[in-house]
């Protein structure tokens, strides 16, 4: 086995599975060891004006990018053709919608970084983990935009015949090193930076992605306490105290 194939094996097979193990086990460890730290560590108390602009832009943009990645990586080209979506139409939708989501995401991220760097109190509450997270997020987004513009929009690379197949093979435990080894440089950098981001994910504030307040959807606007002594005695914490 030559040096190139060995490097490809490490980058596109060994590293991704190591990151997956760290991602899963890291979240388990974080939940067990730091449950009260499972939070966004909100800095809204220090500044809210820029946050109210940058945060929605970033989150709506990242949701759009996530949905685009699910479709682009998870759905084979033959499926979209089966449902009557031609390659040209798919490409046009992916570029327009994807770039719109990218603009919102990048714009929101720039606002959040500017806010965190220029506001003294917000910057004082910034940890080393936050700085690493913002750096990796920026790299992932920048390389993703460059890959789309350079290699797809103005190039001739079809990621659905390369990167997407490798991604699906990864989940069937048969990833092809050739598909990623032959992918254009910005796609490779995009994937590698994403792997680094997923590796540090469990140890940053990004864990809040898996802490959506689903209970609030069914929670009443006002919580009433019953004065019925029969009901009170049935619930823990309602026992009467005799003085």
C-alpha atoms as a PDB file:
ATOM      1  CA  UNK A   1       0.000   0.000   0.000  1.00  0.00           C
ATOM      2  CA  UNK A   2       1.512   3.358  -1.029  1.00  0.00           C
ATOM      3  CA  UNK A   3       1.678   6.506   1.086  1.00  0.00           C
ATOM      4  CA  UNK A   4      -1.242   8.187  -0.704  1.00  0.00           C
ATOM      5  CA  UNK A   5      -3.656   5.321  -0.134  1.00  0.00           C
ATOM      6  CA  UNK A   6      -2.518   5.038   3.489  1.00  0.00           C
ATOM      7  CA  UNK A   7      -3.244   8.724   4.033  1.00  0.00           C
ATOM      8  CA  UNK A   8      -6.622   8.373   2.343  1.00  0.00           C
ATOM      9  CA  UNK A   9      -7.425   5.410   4.575  1.00  0.00           C
ATOM     10  CA  UNK A  10      -6.593   7.426   7.690  1.00  0.00           C
ATOM     11  CA  UNK A  11      -8.470  10.556   6.567  1.00  0.00           C
ATOM     12  CA  UNK A  12     -11.611   9.059   5.051  1.00  0.00           C
ATOM     13  CA  UNK A  13     -12.085   5.825   7.029  1.00  0.00           C
ATOM     14  CA  UNK A  14     -10.237   5.773  10.352  1.00  0.00           C
ATOM     15  CA  UNK A  15     -10.717   9.430  11.304  1.00  0.00           C
ATOM     16  CA  UNK A  16     -14.476   9.599  10.577  1.00  0.00           C
ATOM     17  CA  UNK A  17     -15.214   6.515  12.688  1.00  0.00           C
ATOM     18  CA  UNK A  18     -13.031   7.831  15.509  1.00  0.00           C
ATOM     19  CA  UNK A  19     -14.926  11.123  15.394  1.00  0.00           C
ATOM     20  CA  UNK A  20     -18.249   9.272  15.450  1.00  0.00           C
ATOM     21  CA  UNK A  21     -17.151   7.378  18.574  1.00  0.00           C
ATOM     22  CA  UNK A  22     -16.014  10.597  20.279  1.00  0.00           C
ATOM     23  CA  UNK A  23     -19.234  12.341  19.286  1.00  0.00           C
ATOM     24  CA  UNK A  24     -21.496   9.654  20.767  1.00  0.00           C
ATOM     25  CA  UNK A  25     -19.468   8.751  23.861  1.00  0.00           C
ATOM     26  CA  UNK A  26     -18.627  12.408  24.486  1.00  0.00           C
ATOM     27  CA  UNK A  27     -22.297  13.323  24.716  1.00  0.00           C
ATOM     28  CA  UNK A  28     -22.948  10.424  27.080  1.00  0.00           C
ATOM     29  CA  UNK A  29     -20.054  11.523  29.299  1.00  0.00           C
ATOM     30  CA  UNK A  30     -21.118  15.181  29.176  1.00  0.00           C
ATOM     31  CA  UNK A  31     -24.677  14.354  30.164  1.00  0.00           C
ATOM     32  CA  UNK A  32     -23.580  12.173  33.059  1.00  0.00           C
ATOM     33  CA  UNK A  33     -20.759  14.409  34.324  1.00  0.00           C
ATOM     34  CA  UNK A  34     -21.986  17.904  33.498  1.00  0.00           C
ATOM     35  CA  UNK A  35     -25.759  17.828  33.201  1.00  0.00           C
ATOM     36  CA  UNK A  36     -26.153  21.338  34.609  1.00  0.00           C
ATOM     37  CA  UNK A  37     -23.646  22.583  32.041  1.00  0.00           C
ATOM     38  CA  UNK A  38     -25.765  21.249  29.183  1.00  0.00           C
ATOM     39  CA  UNK A  39     -26.773  24.706  28.059  1.00  0.00           C
ATOM     40  CA  UNK A  40     -26.111  27.462  25.513  1.00  0.00           C
ATOM     41  CA  UNK A  41     -24.484  29.585  28.225  1.00  0.00           C
ATOM     42  CA  UNK A  42     -26.569  32.510  27.000  1.00  0.00           C
ATOM     43  CA  UNK A  43     -24.991  35.980  27.116  1.00  0.00           C
ATOM     44  CA  UNK A  44     -28.222  37.831  26.394  1.00  0.00           C
ATOM     45  CA  UNK A  45     -28.050  39.488  29.806  1.00  0.00           C
ATOM     46  CA  UNK A  46     -24.920  41.344  28.641  1.00  0.00           C
ATOM     47  CA  UNK A  47     -26.164  42.433  25.197  1.00  0.00           C
ATOM     48  CA  UNK A  48     -29.387  41.720  23.330  1.00  0.00           C
ATOM     49  CA  UNK A  49     -29.652  44.067  20.333  1.00  0.00           C
ATOM     50  CA  UNK A  50     -27.060  42.425  18.086  1.00  0.00           C
ATOM     51  CA  UNK A  51     -27.978  39.010  19.468  1.00  0.00           C
ATOM     52  CA  UNK A  52     -31.611  39.463  18.396  1.00  0.00           C
ATOM     53  CA  UNK A  53     -30.403  40.045  14.823  1.00  0.00           C
ATOM     54  CA  UNK A  54     -27.459  37.681  14.466  1.00  0.00           C
ATOM     55  CA  UNK A  55     -28.862  34.664  16.297  1.00  0.00           C
ATOM     56  CA  UNK A  56     -32.052  34.206  14.200  1.00  0.00           C
ATOM     57  CA  UNK A  57     -30.095  34.774  10.985  1.00  0.00           C
ATOM     58  CA  UNK A  58     -27.507  32.180  11.938  1.00  0.00           C
ATOM     59  CA  UNK A  59     -29.983  29.587  13.190  1.00  0.00           C
ATOM     60  CA  UNK A  60     -32.395  29.851  10.249  1.00  0.00           C
ATOM     61  CA  UNK A  61     -29.433  29.726   7.885  1.00  0.00           C
ATOM     62  CA  UNK A  62     -27.902  26.686   9.561  1.00  0.00           C
ATOM     63  CA  UNK A  63     -31.263  24.887   9.523  1.00  0.00           C
ATOM     64  CA  UNK A  64     -31.518  25.511   5.786  1.00  0.00           C
ATOM     65  CA  UNK A  65     -27.975  24.243   5.276  1.00  0.00           C
ATOM     66  CA  UNK A  66     -28.705  21.150   7.383  1.00  0.00           C
ATOM     67  CA  UNK A  67     -31.808  20.316   5.347  1.00  0.00           C
ATOM     68  CA  UNK A  68     -29.830  20.830   2.148  1.00  0.00           C
ATOM     69  CA  UNK A  69     -27.118  18.472   3.365  1.00  0.00           C
ATOM     70  CA  UNK A  70     -29.682  15.833   4.320  1.00  0.00           C
ATOM     71  CA  UNK A  71     -31.155  15.959   0.817  1.00  0.00           C
ATOM     72  CA  UNK A  72     -27.853  16.283  -1.041  1.00  0.00           C
ATOM     73  CA  UNK A  73     -25.962  13.627   0.906  1.00  0.00           C
ATOM     74  CA  UNK A  74     -28.708  11.250   1.941  1.00  0.00           C
ATOM     75  CA  UNK A  75     -30.900  11.033  -1.174  1.00  0.00           C
ATOM     76  CA  UNK A  76     -29.381   9.355  -4.254  1.00  0.00           C
ATOM     77  CA  UNK A  77     -29.631  11.029  -7.640  1.00  0.00           C
ATOM     78  CA  UNK A  78     -31.804   8.174  -8.939  1.00  0.00           C
ATOM     79  CA  UNK A  79     -34.462   8.964  -6.328  1.00  0.00           C
ATOM     80  CA  UNK A  80     -34.869  12.600  -7.331  1.00  0.00           C
ATOM     81  CA  UNK A  81     -34.996  11.558 -10.987  1.00  0.00           C
ATOM     82  CA  UNK A  82     -37.694   9.012 -10.123  1.00  0.00           C
ATOM     83  CA  UNK A  83     -39.860  11.792  -8.682  1.00  0.00           C
ATOM     84  CA  UNK A  84     -39.475  13.865 -11.822  1.00  0.00           C
ATOM     85  CA  UNK A  85     -36.770  16.272 -10.649  1.00  0.00           C
ATOM     86  CA  UNK A  86     -34.205  16.656 -13.390  1.00  0.00           C
ATOM     87  CA  UNK A  87     -30.534  17.128 -12.600  1.00  0.00           C
ATOM     88  CA  UNK A  88     -30.667  20.699 -13.935  1.00  0.00           C
ATOM     89  CA  UNK A  89     -33.636  21.652 -11.754  1.00  0.00           C
ATOM     90  CA  UNK A  90     -32.054  20.008  -8.717  1.00  0.00           C
ATOM     91  CA  UNK A  91     -28.781  21.818  -9.333  1.00  0.00           C
ATOM     92  CA  UNK A  92     -30.566  25.146  -9.736  1.00  0.00           C
ATOM     93  CA  UNK A  93     -32.562  24.651  -6.514  1.00  0.00           C
ATOM     94  CA  UNK A  94     -29.512  23.484  -4.578  1.00  0.00           C
ATOM     95  CA  UNK A  95     -27.430  26.480  -5.646  1.00  0.00           C
ATOM     96  CA  UNK A  96     -30.070  29.182  -5.121  1.00  0.00           C
ATOM     97  CA  UNK A  97     -31.574  27.893  -1.880  1.00  0.00           C
ATOM     98  CA  UNK A  98     -28.203  26.744  -0.569  1.00  0.00           C
ATOM     99  CA  UNK A  99     -26.496  30.056  -1.196  1.00  0.00           C
ATOM    100  CA  UNK A 100     -29.419  31.961   0.352  1.00  0.00           C
ATOM    101  CA  UNK A 101     -29.104  29.834   3.486  1.00  0.00           C
ATOM    102  CA  UNK A 102     -25.331  30.314   3.418  1.00  0.00           C
ATOM    103  CA  UNK A 103     -25.669  34.101   3.199  1.00  0.00           C
ATOM    104  CA  UNK A 104     -28.006  34.132   6.208  1.00  0.00           C
ATOM    105  CA  UNK A 105     -25.743  31.771   8.136  1.00  0.00           C
ATOM    106  CA  UNK A 106     -22.523  33.645   7.365  1.00  0.00           C
ATOM    107  CA  UNK A 107     -24.129  37.029   8.028  1.00  0.00           C
ATOM    108  CA  UNK A 108     -25.495  35.877  11.356  1.00  0.00           C
ATOM    109  CA  UNK A 109     -22.193  34.290  12.346  1.00  0.00           C
ATOM    110  CA  UNK A 110     -20.277  37.477  11.526  1.00  0.00           C
ATOM    111  CA  UNK A 111     -22.667  39.505  13.667  1.00  0.00           C
ATOM    112  CA  UNK A 112     -22.318  37.072  16.564  1.00  0.00           C
ATOM    113  CA  UNK A 113     -18.509  37.072  16.321  1.00  0.00           C
ATOM    114  CA  UNK A 114     -18.407  40.874  16.081  1.00  0.00           C
ATOM    115  CA  UNK A 115     -20.710  41.130  19.103  1.00  0.00           C
ATOM    116  CA  UNK A 116     -18.643  38.701  21.144  1.00  0.00           C
ATOM    117  CA  UNK A 117     -15.355  40.388  20.254  1.00  0.00           C
ATOM    118  CA  UNK A 118     -16.371  44.040  20.680  1.00  0.00           C
ATOM    119  CA  UNK A 119     -18.586  43.796  23.751  1.00  0.00           C
ATOM    120  CA  UNK A 120     -16.341  43.651  26.813  1.00  0.00           C
ATOM    121  CA  UNK A 121     -18.778  41.781  29.029  1.00  0.00           C
ATOM    122  CA  UNK A 122     -19.695  39.242  26.359  1.00  0.00           C
ATOM    123  CA  UNK A 123     -16.038  38.679  25.512  1.00  0.00           C
ATOM    124  CA  UNK A 124     -15.268  38.218  29.197  1.00  0.00           C
ATOM    125  CA  UNK A 125     -17.784  35.387  29.317  1.00  0.00           C
ATOM    126  CA  UNK A 126     -16.195  33.690  26.282  1.00  0.00           C
ATOM    127  CA  UNK A 127     -14.349  30.467  27.035  1.00  0.00           C
ATOM    128  CA  UNK A 128     -11.561  28.748  25.127  1.00  0.00           C
ATOM    129  CA  UNK A 129     -14.125  26.202  23.981  1.00  0.00           C
ATOM    130  CA  UNK A 130     -16.259  29.014  22.550  1.00  0.00           C
ATOM    131  CA  UNK A 131     -13.315  30.357  20.554  1.00  0.00           C
ATOM    132  CA  UNK A 132     -12.504  26.922  19.144  1.00  0.00           C
ATOM    133  CA  UNK A 133     -16.169  26.383  18.301  1.00  0.00           C
ATOM    134  CA  UNK A 134     -16.457  29.692  16.442  1.00  0.00           C
ATOM    135  CA  UNK A 135     -13.218  29.022  14.563  1.00  0.00           C
ATOM    136  CA  UNK A 136     -14.296  25.563  13.416  1.00  0.00           C
ATOM    137  CA  UNK A 137     -17.801  26.759  12.546  1.00  0.00           C
ATOM    138  CA  UNK A 138     -16.287  29.491  10.410  1.00  0.00           C
ATOM    139  CA  UNK A 139     -13.953  27.050   8.647  1.00  0.00           C
ATOM    140  CA  UNK A 140     -16.746  24.579   7.917  1.00  0.00           C
ATOM    141  CA  UNK A 141     -18.998  27.279   6.471  1.00  0.00           C
ATOM    142  CA  UNK A 142     -16.257  29.027   4.472  1.00  0.00           C
ATOM    143  CA  UNK A 143     -14.962  25.781   2.937  1.00  0.00           C
ATOM    144  CA  UNK A 144     -18.537  24.699   2.193  1.00  0.00           C
ATOM    145  CA  UNK A 145     -19.306  27.958   0.375  1.00  0.00           C
ATOM    146  CA  UNK A 146     -16.027  27.774  -1.544  1.00  0.00           C
ATOM    147  CA  UNK A 147     -16.698  24.160  -2.522  1.00  0.00           C
ATOM    148  CA  UNK A 148     -20.133  25.113  -3.836  1.00  0.00           C
ATOM    149  CA  UNK A 149     -18.942  28.154  -5.750  1.00  0.00           C
ATOM    150  CA  UNK A 150     -15.589  26.936  -7.099  1.00  0.00           C
ATOM    151  CA  UNK A 151     -16.244  23.267  -7.764  1.00  0.00           C
ATOM    152  CA  UNK A 152     -20.017  23.076  -8.353  1.00  0.00           C
ATOM    153  CA  UNK A 153     -21.444  26.413  -9.489  1.00  0.00           C
ATOM    154  CA  UNK A 154     -18.496  27.433 -11.660  1.00  0.00           C
ATOM    155  CA  UNK A 155     -16.960  23.986 -11.930  1.00  0.00           C
ATOM    156  CA  UNK A 156     -18.001  20.589 -13.220  1.00  0.00           C
ATOM    157  CA  UNK A 157     -17.784  18.444 -10.079  1.00  0.00           C
ATOM    158  CA  UNK A 158     -20.951  16.561  -9.146  1.00  0.00           C
ATOM    159  CA  UNK A 159     -20.730  15.888  -5.417  1.00  0.00           C
ATOM    160  CA  UNK A 160     -23.734  13.554  -5.685  1.00  0.00           C
ATOM    161  CA  UNK A 161     -21.522  11.122  -7.581  1.00  0.00           C
ATOM    162  CA  UNK A 162     -18.618  11.396  -5.163  1.00  0.00           C
ATOM    163  CA  UNK A 163     -18.932  12.845  -1.670  1.00  0.00           C
ATOM    164  CA  UNK A 164     -22.591  11.851  -1.303  1.00  0.00           C
ATOM    165  CA  UNK A 165     -21.905   8.214  -2.171  1.00  0.00           C
ATOM    166  CA  UNK A 166     -18.985   8.136   0.283  1.00  0.00           C
ATOM    167  CA  UNK A 167     -21.259   9.569   2.988  1.00  0.00           C
ATOM    168  CA  UNK A 168     -23.903   6.882   2.492  1.00  0.00           C
ATOM    169  CA  UNK A 169     -21.248   4.183   2.345  1.00  0.00           C
ATOM    170  CA  UNK A 170     -19.907   5.414   5.668  1.00  0.00           C
ATOM    171  CA  UNK A 171     -23.145   4.420   7.404  1.00  0.00           C
ATOM    172  CA  UNK A 172     -23.050   0.973   5.811  1.00  0.00           C
ATOM    173  CA  UNK A 173     -19.453   0.494   7.041  1.00  0.00           C
ATOM    174  CA  UNK A 174     -18.035   0.396   3.504  1.00  0.00           C
ATOM    175  CA  UNK A 175     -16.638   3.884   2.795  1.00  0.00           C
ATOM    176  CA  UNK A 176     -14.614   4.227  -0.398  1.00  0.00           C
ATOM    177  CA  UNK A 177     -11.322   6.052   0.030  1.00  0.00           C
ATOM    178  CA  UNK A 178     -11.134   6.744  -3.699  1.00  0.00           C
ATOM    179  CA  UNK A 179     -14.324   8.824  -3.755  1.00  0.00           C
ATOM    180  CA  UNK A 180     -13.030  11.279  -1.171  1.00  0.00           C
ATOM    181  CA  UNK A 181      -9.405  11.011  -2.229  1.00  0.00           C
ATOM    182  CA  UNK A 182     -10.380  12.195  -5.713  1.00  0.00           C
ATOM    183  CA  UNK A 183     -12.763  14.911  -4.524  1.00  0.00           C
ATOM    184  CA  UNK A 184     -11.760  18.575  -5.104  1.00  0.00           C
ATOM    185  CA  UNK A 185      -9.709  20.246  -2.387  1.00  0.00           C
ATOM    186  CA  UNK A 186     -12.432  22.475  -0.950  1.00  0.00           C
ATOM    187  CA  UNK A 187     -14.781  19.503  -0.538  1.00  0.00           C
ATOM    188  CA  UNK A 188     -12.022  17.649   1.283  1.00  0.00           C
ATOM    189  CA  UNK A 189     -11.330  20.640   3.539  1.00  0.00           C
ATOM    190  CA  UNK A 190     -15.049  21.062   4.156  1.00  0.00           C
ATOM    191  CA  UNK A 191     -15.392  17.451   5.299  1.00  0.00           C
ATOM    192  CA  UNK A 192     -12.217  17.516   7.432  1.00  0.00           C
ATOM    193  CA  UNK A 193     -13.195  20.743   9.198  1.00  0.00           C
ATOM    194  CA  UNK A 194     -16.663  19.308   9.805  1.00  0.00           C
ATOM    195  CA  UNK A 195     -15.082  16.202  11.363  1.00  0.00           C
ATOM    196  CA  UNK A 196     -13.035  18.393  13.704  1.00  0.00           C
ATOM    197  CA  UNK A 197     -16.173  20.304  14.653  1.00  0.00           C
ATOM    198  CA  UNK A 198     -18.042  17.087  15.450  1.00  0.00           C
ATOM    199  CA  UNK A 199     -15.068  15.901  17.520  1.00  0.00           C
ATOM    200  CA  UNK A 200     -15.217  18.919  19.857  1.00  0.00           C
ATOM    201  CA  UNK A 201     -19.018  19.217  19.723  1.00  0.00           C
ATOM    202  CA  UNK A 202     -19.793  17.306  22.960  1.00  0.00           C
ATOM    203  CA  UNK A 203     -17.414  19.526  24.938  1.00  0.00           C
ATOM    204  CA  UNK A 204     -18.834  22.878  23.826  1.00  0.00           C
ATOM    205  CA  UNK A 205     -22.106  24.761  24.051  1.00  0.00           C
ATOM    206  CA  UNK A 206     -23.210  23.038  20.847  1.00  0.00           C
ATOM    207  CA  UNK A 207     -24.714  20.276  22.999  1.00  0.00           C
ATOM    208  CA  UNK A 208     -27.776  22.521  23.349  1.00  0.00           C
ATOM    209  CA  UNK A 209     -28.829  21.256  19.906  1.00  0.00           C
ATOM    210  CA  UNK A 210     -29.939  18.060  21.644  1.00  0.00           C
ATOM    211  CA  UNK A 211     -31.757  19.855  24.443  1.00  0.00           C
ATOM    212  CA  UNK A 212     -34.766  21.294  22.635  1.00  0.00           C
ATOM    213  CA  UNK A 213     -37.500  22.270  25.143  1.00  0.00           C
ATOM    214  CA  UNK A 214     -40.067  19.910  23.649  1.00  0.00           C
ATOM    215  CA  UNK A 215     -42.074  19.938  26.886  1.00  0.00           C
ATOM    216  CA  UNK A 216     -42.971  23.569  26.364  1.00  0.00           C
ATOM    217  CA  UNK A 217     -45.149  22.585  23.409  1.00  0.00           C
ATOM    218  CA  UNK A 218     -47.674  20.945  25.738  1.00  0.00           C
ATOM    219  CA  UNK A 219     -46.980  22.955  28.886  1.00  0.00           C
ATOM    220  CA  UNK A 220     -49.847  25.246  29.984  1.00  0.00           C
ATOM    221  CA  UNK A 221     -49.246  28.982  29.927  1.00  0.00           C
ATOM    222  CA  UNK A 222     -49.979  29.173  33.657  1.00  0.00           C
ATOM    223  CA  UNK A 223     -49.291  26.404  36.120  1.00  0.00           C
ATOM    224  CA  UNK A 224     -51.850  26.198  38.901  1.00  0.00           C
ATOM    225  CA  UNK A 225     -51.385  24.527  42.237  1.00  0.00           C
ATOM    226  CA  UNK A 226     -54.289  22.568  43.514  1.00  0.00           C
ATOM    227  CA  UNK A 227     -55.767  23.457  46.921  1.00  0.00           C
ATOM    228  CA  UNK A 228     -57.548  20.165  47.180  1.00  0.00           C
ATOM    229  CA  UNK A 229     -55.905  18.412  50.161  1.00  0.00           C
ATOM    230  CA  UNK A 230     -56.775  15.017  48.720  1.00  0.00           C
ATOM    231  CA  UNK A 231     -54.796  15.740  45.577  1.00  0.00           C
ATOM    232  CA  UNK A 232     -51.976  17.394  47.460  1.00  0.00           C
ATOM    233  CA  UNK A 233     -51.384  14.360  49.617  1.00  0.00           C
ATOM    234  CA  UNK A 234     -50.956  12.170  46.529  1.00  0.00           C
ATOM    235  CA  UNK A 235     -48.035  14.176  45.165  1.00  0.00           C
ATOM    236  CA  UNK A 236     -44.500  14.111  46.418  1.00  0.00           C
ATOM    237  CA  UNK A 237     -43.545  17.343  48.094  1.00  0.00           C
ATOM    238  CA  UNK A 238     -47.098  18.163  49.194  1.00  0.00           C
ATOM    239  CA  UNK A 239     -46.981  16.421  52.574  1.00  0.00           C
ATOM    240  CA  UNK A 240     -48.144  18.618  55.390  1.00  0.00           C
ATOM    241  CA  UNK A 241     -45.650  19.649  58.016  1.00  0.00           C
ATOM    242  CA  UNK A 242     -46.848  19.555  61.631  1.00  0.00           C
ATOM    243  CA  UNK A 243     -45.389  22.208  63.920  1.00  0.00           C
END
